[in-house]
Amino acid sequence: MPNYKSPKTDNSKSQQLTVVVRIRPLFDHEAEKGASKIARKADNKMVLLQDPTAGDPVDILRAKRAQEKKYVFDWAFDEDSPQED
């Protein structure tokens, strides 16, 4: 993954940004409408997103696309983690 950095100016200070993600649980009304979970935590830093339309034989444009995407963060929490974590 390329490292994109802002150009430094004379008065800029080195700062570090921590990116944290939490996968929220489905709301009851979402589950009642048939929504499914498309995000899952692979480990403490990686989240996997599943294409919800994967496997649709009618959608020929997505047939050869990756059905799963991986994203890496500084920290990743799943729906079982309390908000306070």
C-alpha atoms as a PDB file:
ATOM      1  CA  MET A   1       0.000   0.000   0.000  1.00  0.00           C
ATOM      2  CA  PRO A   2       1.509   3.361  -0.957  1.00  0.00           C
ATOM      3  CA  ASN A   3       2.397   5.737   1.817  1.00  0.00           C
ATOM      4  CA  TYR A   4       0.609   9.015   1.119  1.00  0.00           C
ATOM      5  CA  LYS A   5       1.934  11.854   3.219  1.00  0.00           C
ATOM      6  CA  SER A   6       1.133  15.520   3.221  1.00  0.00           C
ATOM      7  CA  PRO A   7       3.997  17.759   2.255  1.00  0.00           C
ATOM      8  CA  LYS A   8       5.727  19.137   5.339  1.00  0.00           C
ATOM      9  CA  THR A   9       5.917  22.830   5.952  1.00  0.00           C
ATOM     10  CA  ASP A  10       8.425  24.597   8.146  1.00  0.00           C
ATOM     11  CA  ASN A  11       6.011  24.814  11.083  1.00  0.00           C
ATOM     12  CA  SER A  12       4.493  21.329  10.775  1.00  0.00           C
ATOM     13  CA  LYS A  13       4.976  18.774  13.529  1.00  0.00           C
ATOM     14  CA  SER A  14       5.171  15.031  13.124  1.00  0.00           C
ATOM     15  CA  GLN A  15       1.842  13.536  14.181  1.00  0.00           C
ATOM     16  CA  GLN A  16       0.586   9.991  14.205  1.00  0.00           C
ATOM     17  CA  LEU A  17      -3.020   9.131  13.466  1.00  0.00           C
ATOM     18  CA  THR A  18      -4.554   5.953  14.881  1.00  0.00           C
ATOM     19  CA  VAL A  19      -7.454   4.509  12.901  1.00  0.00           C
ATOM     20  CA  VAL A  20      -9.865   2.255  14.784  1.00  0.00           C
ATOM     21  CA  VAL A  21     -12.937   0.512  13.364  1.00  0.00           C
ATOM     22  CA  ARG A  22     -15.819  -1.257  15.101  1.00  0.00           C
ATOM     23  CA  ILE A  23     -18.222  -3.534  13.252  1.00  0.00           C
ATOM     24  CA  ARG A  24     -21.641  -2.801  14.663  1.00  0.00           C
ATOM     25  CA  PRO A  25     -24.285  -5.484  15.132  1.00  0.00           C
ATOM     26  CA  LEU A  26     -27.288  -5.573  12.824  1.00  0.00           C
ATOM     27  CA  PHE A  27     -30.300  -3.667  14.079  1.00  0.00           C
ATOM     28  CA  ASP A  28     -33.426  -5.770  14.634  1.00  0.00           C
ATOM     29  CA  HIS A  29     -35.256  -4.023  11.798  1.00  0.00           C
ATOM     30  CA  GLU A  30     -32.352  -4.798   9.445  1.00  0.00           C
ATOM     31  CA  ALA A  31     -32.399  -8.487  10.366  1.00  0.00           C
ATOM     32  CA  GLU A  32     -36.192  -8.585   9.955  1.00  0.00           C
ATOM     33  CA  LYS A  33     -35.806  -7.267   6.400  1.00  0.00           C
ATOM     34  CA  GLY A  34     -33.355 -10.065   5.606  1.00  0.00           C
ATOM     35  CA  ALA A  35     -30.132  -8.082   5.848  1.00  0.00           C
ATOM     36  CA  SER A  36     -27.038 -10.160   6.404  1.00  0.00           C
ATOM     37  CA  LYS A  37     -23.708  -9.453   8.026  1.00  0.00           C
ATOM     38  CA  ILE A  38     -21.104  -8.578   5.373  1.00  0.00           C
ATOM     39  CA  ALA A  39     -18.228  -7.489   7.643  1.00  0.00           C
ATOM     40  CA  ARG A  40     -16.200  -9.715   9.904  1.00  0.00           C
ATOM     41  CA  LYS A  41     -13.073  -9.225  11.947  1.00  0.00           C
ATOM     42  CA  ALA A  42     -10.222 -11.458  10.801  1.00  0.00           C
ATOM     43  CA  ASP A  43      -7.862 -10.422  13.598  1.00  0.00           C
ATOM     44  CA  ASN A  44      -7.153  -7.397  15.812  1.00  0.00           C
ATOM     45  CA  LYS A  45      -6.245  -5.290  12.779  1.00  0.00           C
ATOM     46  CA  MET A  46      -7.980  -6.754   9.723  1.00  0.00           C
ATOM     47  CA  VAL A  47     -11.615  -6.534   8.619  1.00  0.00           C
ATOM     48  CA  LEU A  48     -13.016  -8.563   5.725  1.00  0.00           C
ATOM     49  CA  LEU A  49     -15.952  -7.248   3.709  1.00  0.00           C
ATOM     50  CA  GLN A  50     -18.028  -9.683   1.682  1.00  0.00           C
ATOM     51  CA  ASP A  51     -19.760  -8.424  -1.467  1.00  0.00           C
ATOM     52  CA  PRO A  52     -23.478  -8.844  -0.654  1.00  0.00           C
ATOM     53  CA  THR A  53     -24.306  -9.400  -4.328  1.00  0.00           C
ATOM     54  CA  ALA A  54     -21.654 -12.086  -4.843  1.00  0.00           C
ATOM     55  CA  GLY A  55     -23.007 -15.166  -6.500  1.00  0.00           C
ATOM     56  CA  ASP A  56     -25.856 -13.386  -8.276  1.00  0.00           C
ATOM     57  CA  PRO A  57     -25.953 -15.130 -11.684  1.00  0.00           C
ATOM     58  CA  VAL A  58     -27.771 -12.173 -13.261  1.00  0.00           C
ATOM     59  CA  ASP A  59     -25.038  -9.652 -12.401  1.00  0.00           C
ATOM     60  CA  ILE A  60     -22.460 -10.522 -15.072  1.00  0.00           C
ATOM     61  CA  LEU A  61     -20.465  -7.324 -14.491  1.00  0.00           C
ATOM     62  CA  ARG A  62     -19.458  -8.482 -10.999  1.00  0.00           C
ATOM     63  CA  ALA A  63     -18.802 -12.099 -11.922  1.00  0.00           C
ATOM     64  CA  LYS A  64     -15.011 -11.743 -12.025  1.00  0.00           C
ATOM     65  CA  ARG A  65     -14.611  -9.189  -9.246  1.00  0.00           C
ATOM     66  CA  ALA A  66     -13.144 -10.165  -5.917  1.00  0.00           C
ATOM     67  CA  GLN A  67     -15.954 -11.207  -3.619  1.00  0.00           C
ATOM     68  CA  GLU A  68     -14.041 -10.274  -0.496  1.00  0.00           C
ATOM     69  CA  LYS A  69     -12.061  -7.140   0.336  1.00  0.00           C
ATOM     70  CA  LYS A  70      -9.483  -6.859   3.113  1.00  0.00           C
ATOM     71  CA  TYR A  71      -8.875  -3.677   5.081  1.00  0.00           C
ATOM     72  CA  VAL A  72      -6.189  -3.175   7.726  1.00  0.00           C
ATOM     73  CA  PHE A  73      -6.526  -0.686  10.584  1.00  0.00           C
ATOM     74  CA  ASP A  74      -4.548   0.065  13.720  1.00  0.00           C
ATOM     75  CA  TRP A  75      -7.285  -1.702  15.719  1.00  0.00           C
ATOM     76  CA  ALA A  76     -10.416  -3.610  14.718  1.00  0.00           C
ATOM     77  CA  PHE A  77     -13.323  -4.580  16.970  1.00  0.00           C
ATOM     78  CA  ASP A  78     -16.289  -6.796  16.154  1.00  0.00           C
ATOM     79  CA  GLU A  79     -19.954  -6.515  17.117  1.00  0.00           C
ATOM     80  CA  ASP A  80     -19.334  -8.401  20.373  1.00  0.00           C
ATOM     81  CA  SER A  81     -16.968  -5.702  21.630  1.00  0.00           C
ATOM     82  CA  PRO A  82     -18.565  -3.119  23.905  1.00  0.00           C
ATOM     83  CA  GLN A  83     -18.580   0.474  22.735  1.00  0.00           C
ATOM     84  CA  GLU A  84     -16.239   1.374  25.622  1.00  0.00           C
ATOM     85  CA  ASP A  85     -13.356  -0.717  24.238  1.00  0.00           C
END
